Amino acid sequence: MLARRSVLVVDPLDETQEVLRAVLGRKVDVLAARTSAEGLALARHHNPSLVVLDLECDDSSALLLGRFSGACPSGPTPLVLLAGSRRQATGLPDCEIVPKPYHYAPLIRKIEELLGGLLGGTCQPLRKAA
């Protein structure tokens, strides 16, 4: 049996964690951390399929992002960064940037797109059936 995919959300806001858990939780495990240190520990232990990281969480730096990218035992993990500006995300490792303020629907679509790409595009959309 294949291991279930997981998404690690590193964001100090309960709202972001709750929304992503509610929408994505039926198809993937959603792990949540409020600080970058907690997030790194979870990434090393759980080896998530994808990490969503708020750049304003603990004033995250490019060095910290490099650690997230290489934290998982299976190799580089895709990063989705929630950034206040493109300039804030300059010089960062290869990642997807979702500028703030953001709406949840485009963020969720980006996560679905990346998770689908991890499986060769065979992933079904994570939206609830009507």
N, C-alpha and C. Protein backbone atom coordinates (compact mmCIF):
# COMPACT_ATOMS: atom_id res chain seq x y z
N MET A 1 0.83 -1.18 0.00
CA MET A 1 0.00 0.00 0.00
C MET A 1 0.88 1.24 0.00
N LEU A 2 0.53 2.23 -0.81
CA LEU A 2 1.29 3.46 -0.89
C LEU A 2 1.03 4.33 0.34
N ALA A 3 2.09 5.03 0.77
CA ALA A 3 1.93 5.95 1.89
C ALA A 3 1.06 7.13 1.45
N ARG A 4 0.26 7.61 2.34
CA ARG A 4 -0.60 8.75 2.06
C ARG A 4 0.26 10.01 1.97
N ARG A 5 -0.05 10.84 1.00
CA ARG A 5 0.68 12.10 0.85
C ARG A 5 0.35 13.02 2.01
N SER A 6 1.25 13.98 2.27
CA SER A 6 1.01 14.93 3.36
C SER A 6 1.49 16.32 2.97
N VAL A 7 0.86 17.30 3.58
CA VAL A 7 1.22 18.70 3.40
C VAL A 7 1.51 19.27 4.77
N LEU A 8 2.66 19.92 4.90
CA LEU A 8 3.04 20.60 6.13
C LEU A 8 2.75 22.09 5.96
N VAL A 9 1.94 22.64 6.85
CA VAL A 9 1.60 24.06 6.83
C VAL A 9 2.31 24.73 8.00
N VAL A 10 3.23 25.65 7.70
CA VAL A 10 3.94 26.39 8.74
C VAL A 10 3.45 27.83 8.67
N ASP A 11 2.54 28.15 9.58
CA ASP A 11 1.89 29.46 9.57
C ASP A 11 1.38 29.72 10.98
N PRO A 12 1.64 30.90 11.53
CA PRO A 12 1.19 31.18 12.88
C PRO A 12 -0.32 31.40 12.99
N LEU A 13 -1.01 31.57 11.86
CA LEU A 13 -2.44 31.84 11.90
C LEU A 13 -3.25 30.54 11.95
N ASP A 14 -4.10 30.44 12.96
CA ASP A 14 -4.98 29.28 13.08
C ASP A 14 -5.89 29.17 11.87
N GLU A 15 -6.35 30.30 11.35
CA GLU A 15 -7.29 30.30 10.22
C GLU A 15 -6.70 29.58 9.01
N THR A 16 -5.47 29.88 8.66
CA THR A 16 -4.84 29.24 7.50
C THR A 16 -4.74 27.74 7.72
N GLN A 17 -4.29 27.34 8.89
CA GLN A 17 -4.16 25.92 9.20
C GLN A 17 -5.52 25.23 9.13
N GLU A 18 -6.55 25.85 9.69
CA GLU A 18 -7.88 25.24 9.72
C GLU A 18 -8.48 25.12 8.33
N VAL A 19 -8.35 26.17 7.51
CA VAL A 19 -8.92 26.13 6.16
C VAL A 19 -8.24 25.04 5.33
N LEU A 20 -6.91 25.00 5.36
CA LEU A 20 -6.20 23.99 4.57
C LEU A 20 -6.49 22.59 5.08
N ARG A 21 -6.61 22.43 6.38
CA ARG A 21 -6.93 21.10 6.92
C ARG A 21 -8.34 20.68 6.49
N ALA A 22 -9.29 21.62 6.51
CA ALA A 22 -10.67 21.30 6.13
C ALA A 22 -10.78 20.92 4.66
N VAL A 23 -10.08 21.63 3.79
CA VAL A 23 -10.20 21.39 2.35
C VAL A 23 -9.34 20.22 1.90
N LEU A 24 -8.12 20.13 2.40
CA LEU A 24 -7.18 19.11 1.92
C LEU A 24 -7.24 17.81 2.71
N GLY A 25 -7.78 17.86 3.92
CA GLY A 25 -7.71 16.73 4.85
C GLY A 25 -8.36 15.44 4.40
N ARG A 26 -9.27 15.51 3.43
CA ARG A 26 -9.91 14.28 2.95
C ARG A 26 -8.99 13.46 2.05
N LYS A 27 -8.03 14.12 1.42
CA LYS A 27 -7.16 13.44 0.46
C LYS A 27 -5.71 13.30 0.91
N VAL A 28 -5.26 14.21 1.77
CA VAL A 28 -3.88 14.17 2.25
C VAL A 28 -3.86 14.44 3.74
N ASP A 29 -2.80 14.00 4.40
CA ASP A 29 -2.61 14.35 5.80
C ASP A 29 -2.11 15.78 5.85
N VAL A 30 -2.65 16.58 6.74
CA VAL A 30 -2.22 17.96 6.90
C VAL A 30 -1.57 18.10 8.27
N LEU A 31 -0.29 18.43 8.26
CA LEU A 31 0.45 18.67 9.48
C LEU A 31 0.56 20.18 9.65
N ALA A 32 0.54 20.67 10.87
CA ALA A 32 0.58 22.11 11.08
C ALA A 32 1.58 22.47 12.16
N ALA A 33 2.25 23.60 11.93
CA ALA A 33 3.20 24.15 12.90
C ALA A 33 3.02 25.66 12.92
N ARG A 34 3.22 26.25 14.08
CA ARG A 34 3.10 27.69 14.22
C ARG A 34 4.44 28.39 14.03
N THR A 35 5.54 27.69 14.28
CA THR A 35 6.86 28.30 14.16
C THR A 35 7.72 27.51 13.17
N SER A 36 8.74 28.16 12.67
CA SER A 36 9.62 27.49 11.73
C SER A 36 10.38 26.34 12.40
N ALA A 37 10.75 26.49 13.66
CA ALA A 37 11.45 25.41 14.36
C ALA A 37 10.56 24.17 14.47
N GLU A 38 9.28 24.37 14.82
CA GLU A 38 8.34 23.24 14.88
C GLU A 38 8.18 22.62 13.50
N GLY A 39 8.09 23.47 12.49
CA GLY A 39 7.93 23.00 11.12
C GLY A 39 9.10 22.15 10.65
N LEU A 40 10.33 22.59 10.96
CA LEU A 40 11.51 21.82 10.58
C LEU A 40 11.51 20.45 11.25
N ALA A 41 11.14 20.42 12.52
CA ALA A 41 11.09 19.14 13.24
C ALA A 41 10.06 18.21 12.60
N LEU A 42 8.89 18.75 12.27
CA LEU A 42 7.86 17.93 11.62
C LEU A 42 8.31 17.46 10.25
N ALA A 43 8.97 18.32 9.50
CA ALA A 43 9.45 17.95 8.16
C ALA A 43 10.45 16.81 8.24
N ARG A 44 11.35 16.89 9.19
CA ARG A 44 12.36 15.83 9.33
C ARG A 44 11.73 14.51 9.77
N HIS A 45 10.73 14.58 10.61
CA HIS A 45 10.12 13.37 11.16
C HIS A 45 9.08 12.75 10.22
N HIS A 46 8.28 13.57 9.54
CA HIS A 46 7.16 13.06 8.75
C HIS A 46 7.38 13.04 7.25
N ASN A 47 8.44 13.68 6.77
CA ASN A 47 8.76 13.66 5.35
C ASN A 47 7.56 14.06 4.47
N PRO A 48 7.03 15.29 4.63
CA PRO A 48 5.84 15.68 3.88
C PRO A 48 6.08 15.74 2.37
N SER A 49 5.01 15.61 1.62
CA SER A 49 5.07 15.69 0.15
C SER A 49 5.28 17.13 -0.31
N LEU A 50 4.84 18.09 0.52
CA LEU A 50 4.89 19.50 0.16
C LEU A 50 4.86 20.32 1.44
N VAL A 51 5.53 21.49 1.42
CA VAL A 51 5.54 22.39 2.57
C VAL A 51 4.98 23.73 2.14
N VAL A 52 4.02 24.25 2.91
CA VAL A 52 3.50 25.60 2.75
C VAL A 52 4.07 26.41 3.90
N LEU A 53 4.83 27.47 3.58
CA LEU A 53 5.54 28.23 4.60
C LEU A 53 5.25 29.71 4.48
N ASP A 54 4.76 30.30 5.56
CA ASP A 54 4.55 31.74 5.63
C ASP A 54 5.91 32.37 5.90
N LEU A 55 6.38 33.22 4.98
CA LEU A 55 7.70 33.84 5.15
C LEU A 55 7.77 34.77 6.34
N GLU A 56 6.64 35.22 6.82
CA GLU A 56 6.65 36.11 7.97
C GLU A 56 6.61 35.34 9.29
N CYS A 57 6.56 34.03 9.20
CA CYS A 57 6.60 33.18 10.38
C CYS A 57 8.02 33.23 10.95
N ASP A 58 8.18 33.79 12.13
CA ASP A 58 9.50 33.89 12.77
C ASP A 58 10.52 34.67 11.93
N ASP A 59 10.06 35.53 11.06
CA ASP A 59 10.99 36.26 10.18
C ASP A 59 11.88 35.29 9.42
N SER A 60 11.28 34.31 8.79
CA SER A 60 12.01 33.27 8.06
C SER A 60 13.00 33.88 7.08
N SER A 61 14.16 33.28 7.00
CA SER A 61 15.20 33.77 6.12
C SER A 61 15.48 32.76 5.02
N ALA A 62 16.27 33.19 4.03
CA ALA A 62 16.64 32.29 2.94
C ALA A 62 17.39 31.07 3.47
N LEU A 63 18.21 31.26 4.50
CA LEU A 63 18.94 30.14 5.09
C LEU A 63 17.96 29.11 5.66
N LEU A 64 16.95 29.59 6.36
CA LEU A 64 15.94 28.70 6.93
C LEU A 64 15.19 27.97 5.83
N LEU A 65 14.89 28.66 4.74
CA LEU A 65 14.17 28.03 3.63
C LEU A 65 15.00 26.93 3.00
N GLY A 66 16.30 27.13 2.91
CA GLY A 66 17.18 26.09 2.41
C GLY A 66 17.11 24.86 3.29
N ARG A 67 16.99 25.07 4.59
CA ARG A 67 16.85 23.95 5.52
C ARG A 67 15.55 23.20 5.28
N PHE A 68 14.46 23.95 5.05
CA PHE A 68 13.17 23.30 4.77
C PHE A 68 13.27 22.47 3.49
N SER A 69 13.89 23.03 2.47
CA SER A 69 13.99 22.34 1.20
C SER A 69 14.73 21.02 1.33
N GLY A 70 15.73 20.97 2.20
CA GLY A 70 16.53 19.76 2.36
C GLY A 70 16.23 18.97 3.61
N ALA A 71 15.19 19.33 4.35
CA ALA A 71 14.91 18.69 5.64
C ALA A 71 14.37 17.28 5.53
N CYS A 72 13.69 16.97 4.47
CA CYS A 72 13.03 15.67 4.36
C CYS A 72 14.00 14.59 3.91
N PRO A 73 13.94 13.44 4.54
CA PRO A 73 14.87 12.35 4.22
C PRO A 73 14.82 11.89 2.76
N SER A 74 13.68 12.04 2.11
CA SER A 74 13.56 11.54 0.73
C SER A 74 14.13 12.50 -0.31
N GLY A 75 14.60 13.67 0.11
CA GLY A 75 15.17 14.62 -0.83
C GLY A 75 14.44 15.94 -0.81
N PRO A 76 14.76 16.82 -1.76
CA PRO A 76 14.14 18.14 -1.78
C PRO A 76 12.61 18.06 -1.84
N THR A 77 11.99 18.88 -1.03
CA THR A 77 10.54 18.91 -0.93
C THR A 77 10.02 20.19 -1.57
N PRO A 78 8.98 20.12 -2.39
CA PRO A 78 8.43 21.34 -2.97
C PRO A 78 7.97 22.31 -1.87
N LEU A 79 8.26 23.60 -2.09
CA LEU A 79 7.88 24.64 -1.15
C LEU A 79 6.89 25.59 -1.82
N VAL A 80 5.85 25.95 -1.07
CA VAL A 80 4.95 27.02 -1.47
C VAL A 80 5.12 28.10 -0.42
N LEU A 81 5.62 29.25 -0.85
CA LEU A 81 5.89 30.33 0.08
C LEU A 81 4.79 31.37 0.04
N LEU A 82 4.34 31.77 1.22
CA LEU A 82 3.37 32.85 1.34
C LEU A 82 4.20 34.09 1.68
N ALA A 83 4.34 34.99 0.71
CA ALA A 83 5.26 36.12 0.85
C ALA A 83 4.53 37.44 0.73
N GLY A 84 4.96 38.41 1.54
CA GLY A 84 4.38 39.74 1.50
C GLY A 84 4.69 40.46 0.20
N SER A 85 5.82 40.11 -0.43
CA SER A 85 6.18 40.73 -1.70
C SER A 85 7.14 39.82 -2.44
N ARG A 86 7.23 40.02 -3.74
CA ARG A 86 8.19 39.23 -4.54
C ARG A 86 9.61 39.54 -4.08
N ARG A 87 9.87 40.79 -3.68
CA ARG A 87 11.21 41.16 -3.23
C ARG A 87 11.59 40.37 -1.98
N GLN A 88 10.62 40.13 -1.12
CA GLN A 88 10.88 39.35 0.09
C GLN A 88 11.34 37.95 -0.26
N ALA A 89 10.91 37.44 -1.40
CA ALA A 89 11.22 36.07 -1.81
C ALA A 89 12.40 35.99 -2.77
N THR A 90 13.10 37.09 -3.01
CA THR A 90 14.24 37.10 -3.92
C THR A 90 15.39 36.27 -3.36
N GLY A 91 16.04 35.50 -4.21
CA GLY A 91 17.20 34.73 -3.81
C GLY A 91 16.88 33.47 -3.03
N LEU A 92 15.64 33.03 -3.06
CA LEU A 92 15.24 31.85 -2.32
C LEU A 92 15.39 30.60 -3.18
N PRO A 93 15.39 29.43 -2.54
CA PRO A 93 15.47 28.19 -3.31
C PRO A 93 14.29 28.08 -4.27
N ASP A 94 14.40 27.18 -5.23
CA ASP A 94 13.33 26.97 -6.20
C ASP A 94 12.03 26.65 -5.46
N CYS A 95 11.02 27.48 -5.69
CA CYS A 95 9.78 27.32 -4.97
C CYS A 95 8.67 28.08 -5.69
N GLU A 96 7.46 27.82 -5.27
CA GLU A 96 6.29 28.56 -5.76
C GLU A 96 6.00 29.67 -4.77
N ILE A 97 5.68 30.86 -5.28
CA ILE A 97 5.40 31.98 -4.41
C ILE A 97 3.95 32.40 -4.57
N VAL A 98 3.25 32.50 -3.46
CA VAL A 98 1.88 33.01 -3.44
C VAL A 98 1.95 34.33 -2.68
N PRO A 99 1.78 35.46 -3.40
CA PRO A 99 1.91 36.76 -2.75
C PRO A 99 0.75 37.04 -1.78
N LYS A 100 1.09 37.75 -0.71
CA LYS A 100 0.10 38.19 0.26
C LYS A 100 -0.37 39.58 -0.13
N PRO A 101 -1.57 39.94 0.17
CA PRO A 101 -2.61 39.08 0.72
C PRO A 101 -3.09 38.10 -0.34
N TYR A 102 -3.46 36.93 0.05
CA TYR A 102 -3.88 35.89 -0.88
C TYR A 102 -5.29 35.43 -0.54
N HIS A 103 -5.90 34.79 -1.51
CA HIS A 103 -7.19 34.15 -1.30
C HIS A 103 -6.92 32.66 -1.22
N TYR A 104 -7.73 31.94 -0.47
CA TYR A 104 -7.48 30.52 -0.27
C TYR A 104 -7.65 29.69 -1.54
N ALA A 105 -8.60 30.05 -2.40
CA ALA A 105 -8.86 29.23 -3.60
C ALA A 105 -7.61 29.12 -4.48
N PRO A 106 -6.91 30.21 -4.84
CA PRO A 106 -5.70 30.06 -5.66
C PRO A 106 -4.58 29.29 -4.94
N LEU A 107 -4.48 29.48 -3.63
CA LEU A 107 -3.47 28.74 -2.86
C LEU A 107 -3.77 27.25 -2.91
N ILE A 108 -5.01 26.88 -2.72
CA ILE A 108 -5.39 25.46 -2.76
C ILE A 108 -5.17 24.88 -4.15
N ARG A 109 -5.50 25.64 -5.20
CA ARG A 109 -5.24 25.17 -6.57
C ARG A 109 -3.76 24.93 -6.80
N LYS A 110 -2.90 25.81 -6.29
CA LYS A 110 -1.45 25.65 -6.44
C LYS A 110 -0.99 24.39 -5.71
N ILE A 111 -1.49 24.15 -4.52
CA ILE A 111 -1.13 22.94 -3.77
C ILE A 111 -1.58 21.70 -4.53
N GLU A 112 -2.81 21.70 -5.03
CA GLU A 112 -3.32 20.57 -5.81
C GLU A 112 -2.47 20.32 -7.04
N GLU A 113 -2.10 21.40 -7.73
CA GLU A 113 -1.27 21.28 -8.94
C GLU A 113 0.07 20.63 -8.61
N LEU A 114 0.70 21.08 -7.55
CA LEU A 114 2.00 20.52 -7.17
C LEU A 114 1.88 19.08 -6.70
N LEU A 115 0.86 18.76 -5.94
CA LEU A 115 0.67 17.37 -5.49
C LEU A 115 0.40 16.46 -6.68
N GLY A 116 -0.37 16.93 -7.64
CA GLY A 116 -0.63 16.16 -8.85
C GLY A 116 0.64 15.91 -9.63
N GLY A 117 1.50 16.92 -9.72
CA GLY A 117 2.77 16.78 -10.42
C GLY A 117 3.71 15.79 -9.76
N LEU A 118 3.60 15.66 -8.45
CA LEU A 118 4.45 14.70 -7.73
C LEU A 118 4.13 13.27 -8.10
N LEU A 119 2.91 13.06 -8.59
CA LEU A 119 2.49 11.71 -8.95
C LEU A 119 2.35 11.56 -10.46
N GLY A 120 3.06 12.39 -11.20
CA GLY A 120 3.01 12.30 -12.65
C GLY A 120 1.69 12.79 -13.22
N GLY A 121 1.01 13.68 -12.50
CA GLY A 121 -0.23 14.26 -13.00
C GLY A 121 -1.44 13.35 -12.83
N THR A 122 -1.31 12.29 -12.06
CA THR A 122 -2.44 11.37 -11.92
C THR A 122 -3.31 11.69 -10.72
N CYS A 123 -2.95 12.71 -9.97
CA CYS A 123 -3.71 13.06 -8.78
C CYS A 123 -5.05 13.67 -9.17
N GLN A 124 -6.09 13.21 -8.52
CA GLN A 124 -7.41 13.79 -8.73
C GLN A 124 -7.50 15.10 -7.96
N PRO A 125 -8.25 16.07 -8.47
CA PRO A 125 -8.42 17.32 -7.72
C PRO A 125 -8.92 17.04 -6.31
N LEU A 126 -8.52 17.88 -5.38
CA LEU A 126 -8.85 17.65 -3.99
C LEU A 126 -10.17 18.29 -3.59
N ARG A 127 -10.89 18.87 -4.54
CA ARG A 127 -12.16 19.53 -4.24
C ARG A 127 -13.21 18.50 -3.84
N LYS A 128 -14.10 18.94 -2.97
CA LYS A 128 -15.21 18.07 -2.55
C LYS A 128 -16.18 17.89 -3.70
N ALA A 129 -16.73 16.72 -3.79
CA ALA A 129 -17.76 16.47 -4.81
C ALA A 129 -19.02 17.23 -4.43
N ALA A 130 -19.73 17.76 -5.44
CA ALA A 130 -20.93 18.54 -5.16
C ALA A 130 -22.09 17.64 -4.80
